[in-house]
Amino acid sequence: MTKHYLRIDIVSDVVCPWCVIGFQRLQQALAKFPGQFDLNIVWHPFELNPQMPHSGENLREHITDKYRISDQESAENRDRLTEIGRELGFTFNFTDEMRIYNTNQAHRLLHWAEPTGHQTDLQIRLFEDYFTNGKNLNHEEVLLDAVEAVGLNRTEASQALQDKAIAGQTQAREEQLLLQGIRGVPLFMFNHEHAINGAQEVSAFEALLQQLTESAS
């Protein structure tokens, strides 16, 4: 069987629950095409809250204020996310004390990790650190622990966090995406030709992957 090259560019934030759900649904769709794709996944930065203070904010208060919803609606949304995550094999542990953090440093590390082959591993680890384990993704030691856990060099990662060039490249990429009109995440782009916006159902990803295999044959 000839493998078809498939590049998937994913625009996301590490504190975006729908980014987790979208990626899990993509993974389920890809599993239905075993051995058919030579896959290259690249993650791109999007900060949902670029002005978030260093100490972060209470997640429940942040959500109710930002989206003008009630505490009850917020709790119902979190319950819904938790159930969807459970069905997809991902654990969301939401609490009333959970905080949301500035994600700029996390995005800089993900940018640094792209050429290592471990970018996706790091992205998944950061999703788990935040949503499952409630860790502060704006804390350097938390980020470096994640780097080390996926097999990357802790010292090099620490240096990357201080690297002004990496910071500038990450910011430039974010600005480029905004100029392209991207205002929300997740966004999945396939071979620079097709896109799926949002955490759509597995069937939507399957249909596009089927289209790609047929057009490549």
Protein backbone atom coordinates (compact mmCIF):
# COMPACT_ATOMS: atom_id res chain seq x y z
CA MET A 1 0.00 0.00 0.00
CA THR A 2 1.31 3.43 -0.99
CA LYS A 3 1.16 5.94 1.81
CA HIS A 4 -0.23 9.37 1.00
CA TYR A 5 1.64 12.32 2.49
CA LEU A 6 -0.64 14.25 4.81
CA ARG A 7 0.32 17.41 6.64
CA ILE A 8 -2.13 18.59 9.28
CA ASP A 9 -1.62 22.07 10.69
CA ILE A 10 -3.49 22.59 13.95
CA VAL A 11 -4.07 26.04 15.43
CA SER A 12 -4.83 25.73 19.13
CA ASP A 13 -4.32 26.94 22.67
CA VAL A 14 -3.19 24.61 25.45
CA VAL A 15 -6.02 25.81 27.73
CA CYS A 16 -8.74 25.26 25.11
CA PRO A 17 -10.89 22.22 25.97
CA TRP A 18 -12.41 22.05 22.49
CA CYS A 19 -8.89 21.80 21.07
CA VAL A 20 -8.45 18.62 23.11
CA ILE A 21 -11.77 17.26 21.93
CA GLY A 22 -11.08 18.15 18.29
CA PHE A 23 -7.71 16.45 18.37
CA GLN A 24 -9.14 13.32 20.01
CA ARG A 25 -11.81 13.15 17.31
CA LEU A 26 -9.17 13.61 14.62
CA GLN A 27 -7.19 10.74 16.14
CA GLN A 28 -10.24 8.49 16.08
CA ALA A 29 -10.82 9.33 12.42
CA LEU A 30 -7.18 8.69 11.50
CA ALA A 31 -7.36 5.29 13.20
CA LYS A 32 -9.87 4.23 10.55
CA PHE A 33 -7.23 4.71 7.83
CA PRO A 34 -4.40 2.52 9.19
CA GLY A 35 -1.16 2.74 7.24
CA GLN A 36 -2.64 5.00 4.58
CA PHE A 37 -0.99 8.28 5.52
CA ASP A 38 2.58 9.50 5.92
CA LEU A 39 1.52 11.91 8.64
CA ASN A 40 3.10 15.21 9.64
CA ILE A 41 1.26 17.18 12.34
CA VAL A 42 2.36 20.75 13.10
CA TRP A 43 0.88 22.81 15.94
CA HIS A 44 0.53 26.58 15.73
CA PRO A 45 0.05 29.11 18.55
CA PHE A 46 -3.15 30.89 19.41
CA GLU A 47 -3.61 32.68 22.73
CA LEU A 48 -7.21 32.88 23.83
CA ASN A 49 -6.24 35.33 26.56
CA PRO A 50 -3.01 37.13 25.60
CA GLN A 51 -3.54 39.76 28.31
CA MET A 52 -3.92 37.17 31.07
CA PRO A 53 -1.90 38.23 34.16
CA HIS A 54 1.02 36.13 35.37
CA SER A 55 -0.97 34.75 38.31
CA GLY A 56 -3.88 33.75 36.09
CA GLU A 57 -7.57 33.97 36.96
CA ASN A 58 -10.18 31.70 38.47
CA LEU A 59 -11.48 29.70 35.50
CA ARG A 60 -15.14 29.71 36.53
CA GLU A 61 -15.12 33.48 37.13
CA HIS A 62 -13.21 34.08 33.91
CA ILE A 63 -15.67 32.06 31.81
CA THR A 64 -18.82 33.55 33.34
CA ASP A 65 -17.47 37.07 32.86
CA LYS A 66 -16.04 36.57 29.36
CA TYR A 67 -19.07 34.81 27.89
CA ARG A 68 -21.71 36.51 30.07
CA ILE A 69 -23.18 33.24 31.32
CA SER A 70 -24.41 32.15 34.73
CA ASP A 71 -22.57 29.92 37.20
CA GLN A 72 -25.12 27.20 36.45
CA GLU A 73 -24.54 27.45 32.70
CA SER A 74 -20.78 27.34 33.30
CA ALA A 75 -21.14 24.22 35.46
CA GLU A 76 -23.35 22.57 32.82
CA ASN A 77 -20.80 23.34 30.12
CA ARG A 78 -18.01 21.83 32.21
CA ASP A 79 -20.10 18.71 32.85
CA ARG A 80 -20.73 18.40 29.12
CA LEU A 81 -17.01 18.74 28.33
CA THR A 82 -16.17 16.16 30.98
CA GLU A 83 -18.62 13.67 29.49
CA ILE A 84 -17.41 14.23 25.91
CA GLY A 85 -13.82 13.85 27.10
CA ARG A 86 -14.69 10.58 28.86
CA GLU A 87 -16.21 9.21 25.66
CA LEU A 88 -13.02 10.12 23.79
CA GLY A 89 -10.62 8.75 26.40
CA PHE A 90 -9.50 12.08 27.89
CA THR A 91 -9.98 13.11 31.52
CA PHE A 92 -11.15 16.63 32.30
CA ASN A 93 -10.96 17.38 36.02
CA PHE A 94 -12.74 20.71 36.39
CA THR A 95 -13.07 22.25 39.86
CA ASP A 96 -14.40 25.56 41.14
CA GLU A 97 -10.85 26.45 42.22
CA MET A 98 -9.28 25.74 38.82
CA ARG A 99 -7.38 28.66 37.30
CA ILE A 100 -6.67 29.69 33.72
CA TYR A 101 -3.17 30.90 32.88
CA ASN A 102 -1.20 32.89 30.36
CA THR A 103 0.02 30.43 27.72
CA ASN A 104 2.73 32.42 25.95
CA GLN A 105 5.62 30.44 27.46
CA ALA A 106 3.95 27.14 26.59
CA HIS A 107 3.57 28.24 22.97
CA ARG A 108 7.22 29.27 22.80
CA LEU A 109 8.25 25.80 23.94
CA LEU A 110 5.93 24.16 21.42
CA HIS A 111 7.46 26.30 18.68
CA TRP A 112 10.94 25.24 19.84
CA ALA A 113 9.86 21.58 19.90
CA GLU A 114 8.50 21.49 16.34
CA PRO A 115 11.71 20.30 14.59
CA THR A 116 12.43 17.68 17.29
CA GLY A 117 9.65 15.29 16.30
CA HIS A 118 8.16 15.56 19.80
CA GLN A 119 5.90 18.58 19.34
CA THR A 120 2.67 16.57 19.39
CA ASP A 121 3.86 14.60 22.43
CA LEU A 122 4.52 17.87 24.23
CA GLN A 123 1.17 19.33 23.19
CA ILE A 124 -0.69 16.30 24.55
CA ARG A 125 1.35 16.38 27.76
CA LEU A 126 0.46 20.04 28.30
CA PHE A 127 -3.23 19.31 27.69
CA GLU A 128 -3.05 16.59 30.36
CA ASP A 129 -1.02 18.72 32.76
CA TYR A 130 -3.63 21.46 32.63
CA PHE A 131 -6.98 19.75 32.23
CA THR A 132 -6.33 16.46 34.02
CA ASN A 133 -3.78 17.46 36.65
CA GLY A 134 -4.61 21.15 37.16
CA LYS A 135 -1.05 22.39 36.72
CA ASN A 136 0.04 25.98 36.10
CA LEU A 137 1.22 26.16 32.49
CA ASN A 138 2.80 29.53 33.15
CA HIS A 139 5.22 28.02 35.67
CA GLU A 140 8.66 27.27 34.24
CA GLU A 141 9.27 24.12 36.27
CA VAL A 142 5.92 22.67 35.17
CA LEU A 143 6.82 23.33 31.54
CA LEU A 144 10.31 21.88 31.91
CA ASP A 145 8.92 18.79 33.63
CA ALA A 146 6.62 18.31 30.63
CA VAL A 147 9.54 18.71 28.23
CA GLU A 148 11.58 16.13 30.10
CA ALA A 149 8.63 13.72 30.27
CA VAL A 150 8.39 13.55 26.47
CA GLY A 151 12.11 12.96 26.01
CA LEU A 152 13.35 16.46 25.26
CA ASN A 153 16.32 18.21 26.86
CA ARG A 154 15.40 20.20 29.95
CA THR A 155 18.43 22.51 29.78
CA GLU A 156 17.87 23.32 26.12
CA ALA A 157 14.20 23.99 26.82
CA SER A 158 15.10 26.35 29.66
CA GLN A 159 17.40 28.23 27.30
CA ALA A 160 14.64 28.34 24.69
CA LEU A 161 12.34 30.08 27.16
CA GLN A 162 14.92 32.86 27.46
CA ASP A 163 15.61 33.03 23.73
CA LYS A 164 14.33 36.32 22.29
CA ALA A 165 14.45 34.95 18.76
CA ILE A 166 12.05 32.10 19.68
CA ALA A 167 9.78 34.56 21.47
CA GLY A 168 9.76 36.78 18.39
CA GLN A 169 9.10 33.89 16.00
CA THR A 170 6.20 32.66 18.12
CA GLN A 171 4.67 36.12 18.27
CA ALA A 172 5.12 36.59 14.52
CA ARG A 173 3.34 33.31 13.84
CA GLU A 174 0.44 34.30 16.10
CA GLU A 175 0.14 37.65 14.37
CA GLN A 176 0.26 36.01 10.95
CA LEU A 177 -2.64 33.73 11.86
CA LEU A 178 -4.67 36.69 13.10
CA LEU A 179 -3.98 38.52 9.84
CA GLN A 180 -5.29 35.45 8.02
CA GLY A 181 -8.58 35.97 9.81
CA ILE A 182 -8.31 33.19 12.37
CA ARG A 183 -10.25 34.29 15.43
CA GLY A 184 -11.01 31.02 17.18
CA VAL A 185 -9.67 27.54 17.79
CA PRO A 186 -9.30 24.72 17.07
CA LEU A 187 -8.62 24.93 13.36
CA PHE A 188 -7.37 21.92 11.39
CA MET A 189 -5.79 22.46 7.96
CA PHE A 190 -5.03 19.53 5.67
CA ASN A 191 -2.22 19.83 3.10
CA HIS A 192 -2.79 23.60 3.02
CA GLU A 193 -5.92 22.98 0.93
CA HIS A 194 -8.76 21.89 3.19
CA ALA A 195 -9.84 23.01 6.64
CA ILE A 196 -12.09 21.91 9.46
CA ASN A 197 -13.02 24.70 11.83
CA GLY A 198 -13.89 23.72 15.40
CA ALA A 199 -14.14 20.39 17.20
CA GLN A 200 -16.44 18.76 14.68
CA GLU A 201 -17.67 15.19 14.96
CA VAL A 202 -15.45 12.25 14.02
CA SER A 203 -17.55 11.74 10.90
CA ALA A 204 -16.52 15.16 9.54
CA PHE A 205 -12.84 14.26 9.85
CA GLU A 206 -13.49 10.82 8.34
CA ALA A 207 -15.24 12.31 5.33
CA LEU A 208 -12.37 14.66 4.60
CA LEU A 209 -9.75 11.95 5.06
CA GLN A 210 -11.71 9.70 2.68
CA GLN A 211 -11.82 12.54 0.15
CA LEU A 212 -8.05 12.99 0.45
CA THR A 213 -7.33 9.29 -0.10
CA GLU A 214 -9.56 9.17 -3.17
CA SER A 215 -8.08 12.32 -4.71
CA ALA A 216 -4.57 10.98 -4.18
CA SER A 217 -5.29 7.62 -5.81
